[in-house]
Amino acid sequence: MTNTTIIVGAGLSGLLLARALVDRGASVMVLEKGREVGGRMATKRVRESVFDHGAQFFTVSDARFNGIVADWSQRGLVFPWPGSPHRWLGKPSMAAIPKALSADLEILRDHKVTSAMRAGEGWEMAIEGHGLLHAERLLLTLPLPLSLAILQAGDVVLPPNANDLGAIGYDPCLALLVALAGESTLPVDGILVDRGAIRWIADNSKKGISRTGLGAVTIHATTGFSRAHYGKPEVEITKLLLQEAQTWFGESPIVATSLQRFNFSEPQRFYPEPCLWLADLALGFAGDAFGARGIEGAALSGLALAERIGPHLKVE
């Protein structure tokens, strides 16, 4: 267990955190409950069409993140949204970024952590269907309610400076993917509707993600609609969203639909620091609820935690 680090969650924060620690010579293992990395930087195929169904794009305001995005651009991992130069997209889709970041990292997929408990000066984690794993450090990059549930299951008592973590809730989001037999009437840069049932709607063909030329429409529901209908059957949710979206389909028939449910889509508030490192417990937190909103905030959070941990690494 000497000098080993386990990161729970292979979203953008977890992947950048892992790469930064590996670059410092640390021994790092990433545990991901799903089959794919990237969290909400996700891509799905429905029939012949390709959809970014989670994060639609990201923007850059921080100088350090700007340097990272410049590197991604040179490597062919990102490109500007057509007609919207301040929006960045993964190339060929949003999933390309986490896929590239995960290369050569030790990532155990389909490994859901059910509890984490202190074991001496380190940690012991129970993995659903896979027994126990041990590490010197535990770094949690999941949505905070999930991270705290893992610790609570292991009877871990956090210090007072971590109490604010439990007060950070999340809004859900329902995302409907609509494959059309022809083009949609949506503008290239999509529409922020933010009323009724629909918050956001865009055509993945026009933004350059789906290259069939056919309409590939991502619909994000409003927070109110998502909260009210989250647990309802897919057919019922789909019908309600299509009723409001129909005007943007033009004369193109609907070929297929797929509903995605994001229970922890956006934090309702943010922890004031970009990360939290509890050195006495060898426990760290990072993710999209720390510091700043969006993909940029999640990225900077992971990097900030790596810097906080750096002095505690015992690298030969």
C-alpha atoms as a PDB file:
ATOM      1  CA  MET A   1       0.000   0.000   0.000  1.00  0.00           C
ATOM      2  CA  THR A   2       3.031   2.283   0.286  1.00  0.00           C
ATOM      3  CA  ASN A   3       2.743   5.542  -1.635  1.00  0.00           C
ATOM      4  CA  THR A   4      -0.286   4.501  -3.682  1.00  0.00           C
ATOM      5  CA  THR A   5      -3.186   6.745  -4.629  1.00  0.00           C
ATOM      6  CA  ILE A   6      -6.695   5.754  -5.647  1.00  0.00           C
ATOM      7  CA  ILE A   7      -8.886   8.225  -7.508  1.00  0.00           C
ATOM      8  CA  VAL A   8     -12.609   7.512  -7.627  1.00  0.00           C
ATOM      9  CA  GLY A   9     -14.245   8.856 -10.777  1.00  0.00           C
ATOM     10  CA  ALA A  10     -12.877   9.062 -14.325  1.00  0.00           C
ATOM     11  CA  GLY A  11     -14.477  12.352 -15.293  1.00  0.00           C
ATOM     12  CA  LEU A  12     -12.360  15.282 -16.435  1.00  0.00           C
ATOM     13  CA  SER A  13     -11.280  16.212 -12.882  1.00  0.00           C
ATOM     14  CA  GLY A  14     -10.218  12.667 -12.077  1.00  0.00           C
ATOM     15  CA  LEU A  15      -8.341  12.168 -15.333  1.00  0.00           C
ATOM     16  CA  LEU A  16      -6.399  15.435 -15.153  1.00  0.00           C
ATOM     17  CA  LEU A  17      -5.671  14.782 -11.475  1.00  0.00           C
ATOM     18  CA  ALA A  18      -4.385  11.303 -12.316  1.00  0.00           C
ATOM     19  CA  ARG A  19      -2.181  12.532 -15.159  1.00  0.00           C
ATOM     20  CA  ALA A  20      -0.704  15.314 -13.013  1.00  0.00           C
ATOM     21  CA  LEU A  21       0.144  12.886 -10.200  1.00  0.00           C
ATOM     22  CA  VAL A  22       1.600  10.299 -12.577  1.00  0.00           C
ATOM     23  CA  ASP A  23       3.768  13.052 -14.073  1.00  0.00           C
ATOM     24  CA  ARG A  24       5.058  13.654 -10.534  1.00  0.00           C
ATOM     25  CA  GLY A  25       6.021   9.986 -10.270  1.00  0.00           C
ATOM     26  CA  ALA A  26       3.093   8.783  -8.164  1.00  0.00           C
ATOM     27  CA  SER A  27       1.511   5.340  -8.376  1.00  0.00           C
ATOM     28  CA  VAL A  28      -2.129   6.013  -9.291  1.00  0.00           C
ATOM     29  CA  MET A  29      -5.180   3.849  -9.911  1.00  0.00           C
ATOM     30  CA  VAL A  30      -8.499   5.284 -11.134  1.00  0.00           C
ATOM     31  CA  LEU A  31     -11.775   3.528 -10.322  1.00  0.00           C
ATOM     32  CA  GLU A  32     -14.753   4.154 -12.605  1.00  0.00           C
ATOM     33  CA  LYS A  33     -18.187   2.622 -11.998  1.00  0.00           C
ATOM     34  CA  GLY A  34     -19.158   2.758 -15.682  1.00  0.00           C
ATOM     35  CA  ARG A  35     -17.686   1.351 -18.861  1.00  0.00           C
ATOM     36  CA  GLU A  36     -16.684   4.703 -20.312  1.00  0.00           C
ATOM     37  CA  VAL A  37     -14.549   7.549 -19.009  1.00  0.00           C
ATOM     38  CA  GLY A  38     -15.431  11.236 -19.195  1.00  0.00           C
ATOM     39  CA  GLY A  39     -18.572  11.581 -17.082  1.00  0.00           C
ATOM     40  CA  ARG A  40     -20.791  14.155 -18.791  1.00  0.00           C
ATOM     41  CA  MET A  41     -18.285  14.637 -21.612  1.00  0.00           C
ATOM     42  CA  ALA A  42     -20.202  11.867 -23.299  1.00  0.00           C
ATOM     43  CA  THR A  43     -21.112  10.803 -26.812  1.00  0.00           C
ATOM     44  CA  LYS A  44     -23.776   8.366 -27.974  1.00  0.00           C
ATOM     45  CA  ARG A  45     -24.749   6.934 -31.346  1.00  0.00           C
ATOM     46  CA  VAL A  46     -28.449   6.569 -32.214  1.00  0.00           C
ATOM     47  CA  ARG A  47     -28.922   4.791 -35.544  1.00  0.00           C
ATOM     48  CA  GLU A  48     -26.438   6.511 -37.886  1.00  0.00           C
ATOM     49  CA  SER A  49     -26.316   9.785 -35.966  1.00  0.00           C
ATOM     50  CA  VAL A  50     -23.808  10.852 -33.287  1.00  0.00           C
ATOM     51  CA  PHE A  51     -24.783  12.999 -30.304  1.00  0.00           C
ATOM     52  CA  ASP A  52     -22.969  14.926 -27.589  1.00  0.00           C
ATOM     53  CA  HIS A  53     -25.646  14.295 -24.993  1.00  0.00           C
ATOM     54  CA  GLY A  54     -23.994  15.695 -21.851  1.00  0.00           C
ATOM     55  CA  ALA A  55     -21.739  18.745 -21.960  1.00  0.00           C
ATOM     56  CA  GLN A  56     -22.391  20.519 -25.263  1.00  0.00           C
ATOM     57  CA  PHE A  57     -19.272  22.696 -25.354  1.00  0.00           C
ATOM     58  CA  PHE A  58     -16.875  24.522 -23.071  1.00  0.00           C
ATOM     59  CA  THR A  59     -15.429  28.000 -22.859  1.00  0.00           C
ATOM     60  CA  VAL A  60     -12.097  29.345 -21.646  1.00  0.00           C
ATOM     61  CA  SER A  61     -11.433  32.264 -19.295  1.00  0.00           C
ATOM     62  CA  ASP A  62      -8.480  31.070 -17.181  1.00  0.00           C
ATOM     63  CA  ALA A  63      -4.936  31.496 -18.523  1.00  0.00           C
ATOM     64  CA  ARG A  64      -3.806  28.059 -17.374  1.00  0.00           C
ATOM     65  CA  PHE A  65      -6.806  26.321 -18.908  1.00  0.00           C
ATOM     66  CA  ASN A  66      -6.233  28.316 -22.084  1.00  0.00           C
ATOM     67  CA  GLY A  67      -2.788  26.742 -22.313  1.00  0.00           C
ATOM     68  CA  ILE A  68      -4.273  23.281 -21.853  1.00  0.00           C
ATOM     69  CA  VAL A  69      -6.869  23.881 -24.559  1.00  0.00           C
ATOM     70  CA  ALA A  70      -4.163  25.203 -26.892  1.00  0.00           C
ATOM     71  CA  ASP A  71      -2.306  21.915 -26.408  1.00  0.00           C
ATOM     72  CA  TRP A  72      -5.517  19.959 -27.078  1.00  0.00           C
ATOM     73  CA  SER A  73      -6.006  21.990 -30.243  1.00  0.00           C
ATOM     74  CA  GLN A  74      -2.490  21.213 -31.467  1.00  0.00           C
ATOM     75  CA  ARG A  75      -3.146  17.521 -30.847  1.00  0.00           C
ATOM     76  CA  GLY A  76      -6.371  17.665 -32.845  1.00  0.00           C
ATOM     77  CA  LEU A  77      -8.613  16.949 -29.854  1.00  0.00           C
ATOM     78  CA  VAL A  78     -10.746  20.099 -30.029  1.00  0.00           C
ATOM     79  CA  PHE A  79     -12.106  22.609 -32.538  1.00  0.00           C
ATOM     80  CA  PRO A  80     -14.231  25.771 -32.306  1.00  0.00           C
ATOM     81  CA  TRP A  81     -17.988  25.452 -32.684  1.00  0.00           C
ATOM     82  CA  PRO A  82     -18.731  26.667 -36.244  1.00  0.00           C
ATOM     83  CA  GLY A  83     -19.746  30.308 -36.055  1.00  0.00           C
ATOM     84  CA  SER A  84     -19.124  30.426 -32.293  1.00  0.00           C
ATOM     85  CA  PRO A  85     -15.334  30.794 -31.846  1.00  0.00           C
ATOM     86  CA  HIS A  86     -15.531  31.130 -28.056  1.00  0.00           C
ATOM     87  CA  ARG A  87     -17.130  27.692 -27.730  1.00  0.00           C
ATOM     88  CA  TRP A  88     -14.903  24.643 -27.937  1.00  0.00           C
ATOM     89  CA  LEU A  89     -15.909  21.116 -28.945  1.00  0.00           C
ATOM     90  CA  GLY A  90     -14.173  17.778 -28.685  1.00  0.00           C
ATOM     91  CA  LYS A  91     -13.009  16.343 -32.008  1.00  0.00           C
ATOM     92  CA  PRO A  92     -14.642  14.265 -33.365  1.00  0.00           C
ATOM     93  CA  SER A  93     -16.895  14.594 -30.279  1.00  0.00           C
ATOM     94  CA  MET A  94     -16.739  15.595 -26.612  1.00  0.00           C
ATOM     95  CA  ALA A  95     -15.784  12.057 -25.619  1.00  0.00           C
ATOM     96  CA  ALA A  96     -12.492  12.396 -27.540  1.00  0.00           C
ATOM     97  CA  ILE A  97     -10.932  14.543 -24.794  1.00  0.00           C
ATOM     98  CA  PRO A  98     -11.348  12.128 -21.859  1.00  0.00           C
ATOM     99  CA  LYS A  99     -10.481   9.209 -24.122  1.00  0.00           C
ATOM    100  CA  ALA A 100      -7.140  10.812 -24.952  1.00  0.00           C
ATOM    101  CA  LEU A 101      -6.469  11.798 -21.332  1.00  0.00           C
ATOM    102  CA  SER A 102      -7.116   8.235 -20.157  1.00  0.00           C
ATOM    103  CA  ALA A 103      -4.462   6.705 -22.403  1.00  0.00           C
ATOM    104  CA  ASP A 104      -1.781   4.815 -20.415  1.00  0.00           C
ATOM    105  CA  LEU A 105      -3.511   5.468 -17.082  1.00  0.00           C
ATOM    106  CA  GLU A 106      -4.410   2.522 -14.869  1.00  0.00           C
ATOM    107  CA  ILE A 107      -8.214   2.694 -14.940  1.00  0.00           C
ATOM    108  CA  LEU A 108     -10.450  -0.060 -13.607  1.00  0.00           C
ATOM    109  CA  ARG A 109     -13.848   0.252 -15.290  1.00  0.00           C
ATOM    110  CA  ASP A 110     -17.041  -1.295 -13.930  1.00  0.00           C
ATOM    111  CA  HIS A 111     -15.590  -0.792 -10.443  1.00  0.00           C
ATOM    112  CA  LYS A 112     -18.208   0.841  -8.236  1.00  0.00           C
ATOM    113  CA  VAL A 113     -16.931   1.834  -4.792  1.00  0.00           C
ATOM    114  CA  THR A 114     -19.595   1.090  -2.183  1.00  0.00           C
ATOM    115  CA  SER A 115     -17.667   2.155   0.916  1.00  0.00           C
ATOM    116  CA  ALA A 116     -14.335   3.561   2.031  1.00  0.00           C
ATOM    117  CA  MET A 117     -12.945   3.240   5.533  1.00  0.00           C
ATOM    118  CA  ARG A 118      -9.750   4.129   7.317  1.00  0.00           C
ATOM    119  CA  ALA A 119      -7.222   1.307   7.555  1.00  0.00           C
ATOM    120  CA  GLY A 120      -4.281   2.371   9.706  1.00  0.00           C
ATOM    121  CA  GLU A 121      -2.920   5.516   8.060  1.00  0.00           C
ATOM    122  CA  GLY A 122      -4.425   4.571   4.705  1.00  0.00           C
ATOM    123  CA  TRP A 123      -7.702   3.467   3.157  1.00  0.00           C
ATOM    124  CA  GLU A 124      -9.642   0.308   2.441  1.00  0.00           C
ATOM    125  CA  MET A 125     -12.320   0.416  -0.268  1.00  0.00           C
ATOM    126  CA  ALA A 126     -15.072  -2.106  -0.943  1.00  0.00           C
ATOM    127  CA  ILE A 127     -15.711  -2.544  -4.674  1.00  0.00           C
ATOM    128  CA  GLU A 128     -19.005  -4.030  -5.819  1.00  0.00           C
ATOM    129  CA  GLY A 129     -18.274  -7.490  -7.188  1.00  0.00           C
ATOM    130  CA  HIS A 130     -14.501  -7.072  -6.864  1.00  0.00           C
ATOM    131  CA  GLY A 131     -13.647  -7.295  -3.163  1.00  0.00           C
ATOM    132  CA  LEU A 132     -11.328  -4.838  -1.404  1.00  0.00           C
ATOM    133  CA  LEU A 133      -8.623  -2.433  -2.533  1.00  0.00           C
ATOM    134  CA  HIS A 134      -6.109  -0.569  -0.353  1.00  0.00           C
ATOM    135  CA  ALA A 135      -4.263   2.692  -0.861  1.00  0.00           C
ATOM    136  CA  GLU A 136      -2.344   5.312   1.055  1.00  0.00           C
ATOM    137  CA  ARG A 137      -4.450   8.180  -0.343  1.00  0.00           C
ATOM    138  CA  LEU A 138      -8.066   8.430  -1.431  1.00  0.00           C
ATOM    139  CA  LEU A 139      -9.162  11.161  -3.849  1.00  0.00           C
ATOM    140  CA  LEU A 140     -12.855  11.549  -4.628  1.00  0.00           C
ATOM    141  CA  THR A 141     -13.960  13.348  -7.814  1.00  0.00           C
ATOM    142  CA  LEU A 142     -17.569  12.127  -7.956  1.00  0.00           C
ATOM    143  CA  PRO A 143     -20.583  14.392  -7.402  1.00  0.00           C
ATOM    144  CA  LEU A 144     -20.392  15.253  -3.715  1.00  0.00           C
ATOM    145  CA  PRO A 145     -23.505  13.343  -2.575  1.00  0.00           C
ATOM    146  CA  LEU A 146     -21.966  10.157  -3.993  1.00  0.00           C
ATOM    147  CA  SER A 147     -18.543  10.845  -2.490  1.00  0.00           C
ATOM    148  CA  LEU A 148     -20.001  11.530   0.937  1.00  0.00           C
ATOM    149  CA  ALA A 149     -22.189   8.409   0.775  1.00  0.00           C
ATOM    150  CA  ILE A 150     -19.080   6.281   0.190  1.00  0.00           C
ATOM    151  CA  LEU A 151     -17.412   7.776   3.270  1.00  0.00           C
ATOM    152  CA  GLN A 152     -20.568   7.501   5.378  1.00  0.00           C
ATOM    153  CA  ALA A 153     -20.821   3.810   4.493  1.00  0.00           C
ATOM    154  CA  GLY A 154     -17.331   3.405   5.964  1.00  0.00           C
ATOM    155  CA  ASP A 155     -18.168   5.389   9.110  1.00  0.00           C
ATOM    156  CA  VAL A 156     -15.649   8.099   8.238  1.00  0.00           C
ATOM    157  CA  VAL A 157     -15.978  11.245  10.346  1.00  0.00           C
ATOM    158  CA  LEU A 158     -14.908  14.383   8.503  1.00  0.00           C
ATOM    159  CA  PRO A 159     -13.406  17.435  10.224  1.00  0.00           C
ATOM    160  CA  PRO A 160     -15.408  20.673  10.608  1.00  0.00           C
ATOM    161  CA  ASN A 161     -13.813  22.321   7.564  1.00  0.00           C
ATOM    162  CA  ALA A 162     -15.496  19.669   5.373  1.00  0.00           C
ATOM    163  CA  ASN A 163     -19.003  20.251   6.749  1.00  0.00           C
ATOM    164  CA  ASP A 164     -19.966  22.563   3.876  1.00  0.00           C
ATOM    165  CA  LEU A 165     -19.633  19.706   1.394  1.00  0.00           C
ATOM    166  CA  GLY A 166     -22.909  18.163   2.515  1.00  0.00           C
ATOM    167  CA  ALA A 167     -24.800  21.381   1.837  1.00  0.00           C
ATOM    168  CA  ILE A 168     -24.006  21.339  -1.894  1.00  0.00           C
ATOM    169  CA  GLY A 169     -26.903  19.856  -3.837  1.00  0.00           C
ATOM    170  CA  TYR A 170     -27.243  19.156  -7.551  1.00  0.00           C
ATOM    171  CA  ASP A 171     -29.874  19.752 -10.202  1.00  0.00           C
ATOM    172  CA  PRO A 172     -30.901  16.874 -12.501  1.00  0.00           C
ATOM    173  CA  CYS A 173     -31.145  17.062 -16.278  1.00  0.00           C
ATOM    174  CA  LEU A 174     -33.090  14.982 -18.751  1.00  0.00           C
ATOM    175  CA  ALA A 175     -31.486  14.845 -22.204  1.00  0.00           C
ATOM    176  CA  LEU A 176     -33.450  13.633 -25.208  1.00  0.00           C
ATOM    177  CA  LEU A 177     -31.599  12.623 -28.372  1.00  0.00           C
ATOM    178  CA  VAL A 178     -33.658  12.830 -31.568  1.00  0.00           C
ATOM    179  CA  ALA A 179     -32.447  11.318 -34.847  1.00  0.00           C
ATOM    180  CA  LEU A 180     -34.194  12.788 -37.887  1.00  0.00           C
ATOM    181  CA  ALA A 181     -34.533  11.498 -41.453  1.00  0.00           C
ATOM    182  CA  GLY A 182     -33.539  14.924 -42.800  1.00  0.00           C
ATOM    183  CA  GLU A 183     -32.177  18.281 -41.689  1.00  0.00           C
ATOM    184  CA  SER A 184     -33.547  20.240 -38.743  1.00  0.00           C
ATOM    185  CA  THR A 185     -34.359  23.950 -38.913  1.00  0.00           C
ATOM    186  CA  LEU A 186     -32.144  24.793 -35.932  1.00  0.00           C
ATOM    187  CA  PRO A 187     -29.423  27.442 -36.306  1.00  0.00           C
ATOM    188  CA  VAL A 188     -25.786  26.325 -36.340  1.00  0.00           C
ATOM    189  CA  ASP A 189     -25.113  27.584 -32.813  1.00  0.00           C
ATOM    190  CA  GLY A 190     -28.229  26.030 -31.213  1.00  0.00           C
ATOM    191  CA  ILE A 191     -30.796  27.828 -29.066  1.00  0.00           C
ATOM    192  CA  LEU A 192     -30.861  28.547 -25.338  1.00  0.00           C
ATOM    193  CA  VAL A 193     -34.642  28.361 -24.882  1.00  0.00           C
ATOM    194  CA  ASP A 194     -34.794  28.197 -21.065  1.00  0.00           C
ATOM    195  CA  ARG A 195     -38.577  28.156 -20.776  1.00  0.00           C
ATOM    196  CA  GLY A 196     -41.279  25.554 -20.544  1.00  0.00           C
ATOM    197  CA  ALA A 197     -39.787  22.076 -20.768  1.00  0.00           C
ATOM    198  CA  ILE A 198     -36.734  22.904 -22.875  1.00  0.00           C
ATOM    199  CA  ARG A 199     -33.597  24.619 -21.682  1.00  0.00           C
ATOM    200  CA  TRP A 200     -31.292  23.995 -24.645  1.00  0.00           C
ATOM    201  CA  ILE A 201     -31.570  22.496 -28.118  1.00  0.00           C
ATOM    202  CA  ALA A 202     -28.915  22.024 -30.803  1.00  0.00           C
ATOM    203  CA  ASP A 203     -28.248  19.936 -33.910  1.00  0.00           C
ATOM    204  CA  ASN A 204     -25.085  17.824 -33.699  1.00  0.00           C
ATOM    205  CA  SER A 205     -24.876  17.683 -37.497  1.00  0.00           C
ATOM    206  CA  LYS A 206     -24.671  21.460 -37.765  1.00  0.00           C
ATOM    207  CA  LYS A 207     -22.071  21.731 -35.005  1.00  0.00           C
ATOM    208  CA  GLY A 208     -19.922  19.165 -36.829  1.00  0.00           C
ATOM    209  CA  ILE A 209     -20.245  16.197 -34.472  1.00  0.00           C
ATOM    210  CA  SER A 210     -22.595  13.998 -36.489  1.00  0.00           C
ATOM    211  CA  ARG A 211     -21.429  13.887 -40.108  1.00  0.00           C
ATOM    212  CA  THR A 212     -24.361  12.162 -41.791  1.00  0.00           C
ATOM    213  CA  GLY A 213     -26.055  15.411 -42.816  1.00  0.00           C
ATOM    214  CA  LEU A 214     -29.198  14.222 -41.062  1.00  0.00           C
ATOM    215  CA  GLY A 215     -30.698  15.990 -38.057  1.00  0.00           C
ATOM    216  CA  ALA A 216     -29.184  14.815 -34.765  1.00  0.00           C
ATOM    217  CA  VAL A 217     -30.855  16.974 -32.128  1.00  0.00           C
ATOM    218  CA  THR A 218     -29.886  17.094 -28.458  1.00  0.00           C
ATOM    219  CA  ILE A 219     -32.579  18.505 -26.165  1.00  0.00           C
ATOM    220  CA  HIS A 220     -31.745  19.410 -22.565  1.00  0.00           C
ATOM    221  CA  ALA A 221     -34.799  19.853 -20.373  1.00  0.00           C
ATOM    222  CA  THR A 222     -35.109  22.675 -17.870  1.00  0.00           C
ATOM    223  CA  THR A 223     -34.275  21.988 -14.242  1.00  0.00           C
ATOM    224  CA  GLY A 224     -37.921  22.280 -13.213  1.00  0.00           C
ATOM    225  CA  PHE A 225     -39.107  19.843 -15.859  1.00  0.00           C
ATOM    226  CA  SER A 226     -36.255  17.422 -15.136  1.00  0.00           C
ATOM    227  CA  ARG A 227     -36.952  17.446 -11.422  1.00  0.00           C
ATOM    228  CA  ALA A 228     -40.705  16.948 -11.879  1.00  0.00           C
ATOM    229  CA  HIS A 229     -40.430  14.161 -14.450  1.00  0.00           C
ATOM    230  CA  TYR A 230     -37.100  12.483 -13.667  1.00  0.00           C
ATOM    231  CA  GLY A 231     -38.528   9.171 -12.473  1.00  0.00           C
ATOM    232  CA  LYS A 232     -41.323   8.916 -15.040  1.00  0.00           C
ATOM    233  CA  PRO A 233     -41.298   6.425 -17.939  1.00  0.00           C
ATOM    234  CA  GLU A 234     -39.172   7.289 -20.972  1.00  0.00           C
ATOM    235  CA  VAL A 235     -42.135   7.227 -23.336  1.00  0.00           C
ATOM    236  CA  GLU A 236     -43.985   9.846 -21.269  1.00  0.00           C
ATOM    237  CA  ILE A 237     -40.976  12.183 -20.976  1.00  0.00           C
ATOM    238  CA  THR A 238     -40.183  11.789 -24.672  1.00  0.00           C
ATOM    239  CA  LYS A 239     -43.720  12.700 -25.722  1.00  0.00           C
ATOM    240  CA  LEU A 240     -43.743  15.893 -23.652  1.00  0.00           C
ATOM    241  CA  LEU A 241     -40.350  17.092 -24.913  1.00  0.00           C
ATOM    242  CA  LEU A 242     -41.138  16.297 -28.550  1.00  0.00           C
ATOM    243  CA  GLN A 243     -44.344  18.318 -28.339  1.00  0.00           C
ATOM    244  CA  GLU A 244     -42.348  21.454 -27.532  1.00  0.00           C
ATOM    245  CA  ALA A 245     -39.458  20.693 -29.897  1.00  0.00           C
ATOM    246  CA  GLN A 246     -41.444  19.741 -32.991  1.00  0.00           C
ATOM    247  CA  THR A 247     -41.251  23.199 -34.529  1.00  0.00           C
ATOM    248  CA  TRP A 248     -37.452  22.833 -34.973  1.00  0.00           C
ATOM    249  CA  PHE A 249     -37.678  19.532 -36.856  1.00  0.00           C
ATOM    250  CA  GLY A 250     -39.172  21.111 -39.966  1.00  0.00           C
ATOM    251  CA  GLU A 251     -40.518  18.497 -42.373  1.00  0.00           C
ATOM    252  CA  SER A 252     -38.015  15.855 -41.257  1.00  0.00           C
ATOM    253  CA  PRO A 253     -39.597  12.740 -39.704  1.00  0.00           C
ATOM    254  CA  ILE A 254     -38.282  11.369 -36.425  1.00  0.00           C
ATOM    255  CA  VAL A 255     -36.309   8.160 -36.956  1.00  0.00           C
ATOM    256  CA  ALA A 256     -35.404   7.296 -33.358  1.00  0.00           C
ATOM    257  CA  THR A 257     -35.086   8.783 -29.875  1.00  0.00           C
ATOM    258  CA  SER A 258     -33.057   7.992 -26.768  1.00  0.00           C
ATOM    259  CA  LEU A 259     -33.432   9.468 -23.283  1.00  0.00           C
ATOM    260  CA  GLN A 260     -30.454  10.068 -20.981  1.00  0.00           C
ATOM    261  CA  ARG A 261     -30.890  10.884 -17.288  1.00  0.00           C
ATOM    262  CA  PHE A 262     -28.266  12.917 -15.425  1.00  0.00           C
ATOM    263  CA  ASN A 263     -29.173  12.921 -11.736  1.00  0.00           C
ATOM    264  CA  PHE A 264     -26.197  15.114 -10.773  1.00  0.00           C
ATOM    265  CA  SER A 265     -26.045  17.449 -13.746  1.00  0.00           C
ATOM    266  CA  GLU A 266     -25.037  20.760 -12.157  1.00  0.00           C
ATOM    267  CA  PRO A 267     -24.143  21.800  -8.606  1.00  0.00           C
ATOM    268  CA  GLN A 268     -26.528  24.326  -7.102  1.00  0.00           C
ATOM    269  CA  ARG A 269     -23.668  26.161  -5.400  1.00  0.00           C
ATOM    270  CA  PHE A 270     -19.885  25.910  -5.270  1.00  0.00           C
ATOM    271  CA  TYR A 271     -17.312  25.203  -2.605  1.00  0.00           C
ATOM    272  CA  PRO A 272     -15.264  28.416  -2.321  1.00  0.00           C
ATOM    273  CA  GLU A 273     -11.921  26.703  -3.007  1.00  0.00           C
ATOM    274  CA  PRO A 274     -10.913  24.762  -6.140  1.00  0.00           C
ATOM    275  CA  CYS A 275     -10.395  21.574  -4.099  1.00  0.00           C
ATOM    276  CA  LEU A 276     -10.216  20.226  -0.551  1.00  0.00           C
ATOM    277  CA  TRP A 277      -7.223  18.274   0.767  1.00  0.00           C
ATOM    278  CA  LEU A 278      -7.434  16.805   4.262  1.00  0.00           C
ATOM    279  CA  ALA A 279      -3.818  15.888   4.886  1.00  0.00           C
ATOM    280  CA  ASP A 280      -4.437  14.231   8.274  1.00  0.00           C
ATOM    281  CA  LEU A 281      -6.834  11.788   6.613  1.00  0.00           C
ATOM    282  CA  ALA A 282      -4.949  11.479   3.304  1.00  0.00           C
ATOM    283  CA  LEU A 283      -8.294  12.340   1.707  1.00  0.00           C
ATOM    284  CA  GLY A 284      -9.015  14.755  -1.117  1.00  0.00           C
ATOM    285  CA  PHE A 285     -12.027  16.117  -2.996  1.00  0.00           C
ATOM    286  CA  ALA A 286     -12.201  17.684  -6.442  1.00  0.00           C
ATOM    287  CA  GLY A 287     -14.753  18.085  -9.217  1.00  0.00           C
ATOM    288  CA  ASP A 288     -17.264  20.402 -10.803  1.00  0.00           C
ATOM    289  CA  ALA A 289     -18.600  21.656  -7.450  1.00  0.00           C
ATOM    290  CA  PHE A 290     -15.279  23.289  -6.559  1.00  0.00           C
ATOM    291  CA  GLY A 291     -14.226  26.800  -7.446  1.00  0.00           C
ATOM    292  CA  ALA A 292     -15.925  27.549 -10.753  1.00  0.00           C
ATOM    293  CA  ARG A 293     -18.675  26.353 -13.085  1.00  0.00           C
ATOM    294  CA  GLY A 294     -18.421  24.007 -16.021  1.00  0.00           C
ATOM    295  CA  ILE A 295     -15.716  21.978 -17.696  1.00  0.00           C
ATOM    296  CA  GLU A 296     -13.074  24.627 -17.053  1.00  0.00           C
ATOM    297  CA  GLY A 297     -13.840  24.603 -13.335  1.00  0.00           C
ATOM    298  CA  ALA A 298     -13.726  20.800 -13.180  1.00  0.00           C
ATOM    299  CA  ALA A 299     -10.382  20.741 -14.980  1.00  0.00           C
ATOM    300  CA  LEU A 300      -8.809  23.361 -12.730  1.00  0.00           C
ATOM    301  CA  SER A 301     -10.134  21.574  -9.648  1.00  0.00           C
ATOM    302  CA  GLY A 302      -8.355  18.347 -10.537  1.00  0.00           C
ATOM    303  CA  LEU A 303      -5.105  20.189 -11.230  1.00  0.00           C
ATOM    304  CA  ALA A 304      -5.393  22.159  -7.979  1.00  0.00           C
ATOM    305  CA  LEU A 305      -5.751  18.971  -5.928  1.00  0.00           C
ATOM    306  CA  ALA A 306      -2.678  17.487  -7.606  1.00  0.00           C
ATOM    307  CA  GLU A 307      -0.688  20.560  -6.559  1.00  0.00           C
ATOM    308  CA  ARG A 308      -1.950  20.344  -2.984  1.00  0.00           C
ATOM    309  CA  ILE A 309      -0.946  16.702  -2.746  1.00  0.00           C
ATOM    310  CA  GLY A 310       2.446  17.164  -4.418  1.00  0.00           C
ATOM    311  CA  PRO A 311       4.413  17.930  -1.238  1.00  0.00           C
ATOM    312  CA  HIS A 312       2.958  14.813   0.412  1.00  0.00           C
ATOM    313  CA  LEU A 313       4.199  12.426  -2.266  1.00  0.00           C
ATOM    314  CA  LYS A 314       7.183  10.303  -1.394  1.00  0.00           C
ATOM    315  CA  VAL A 315       8.546   9.690  -4.883  1.00  0.00           C
ATOM    316  CA  GLU A 316      11.915   7.986  -5.254  1.00  0.00           C
END
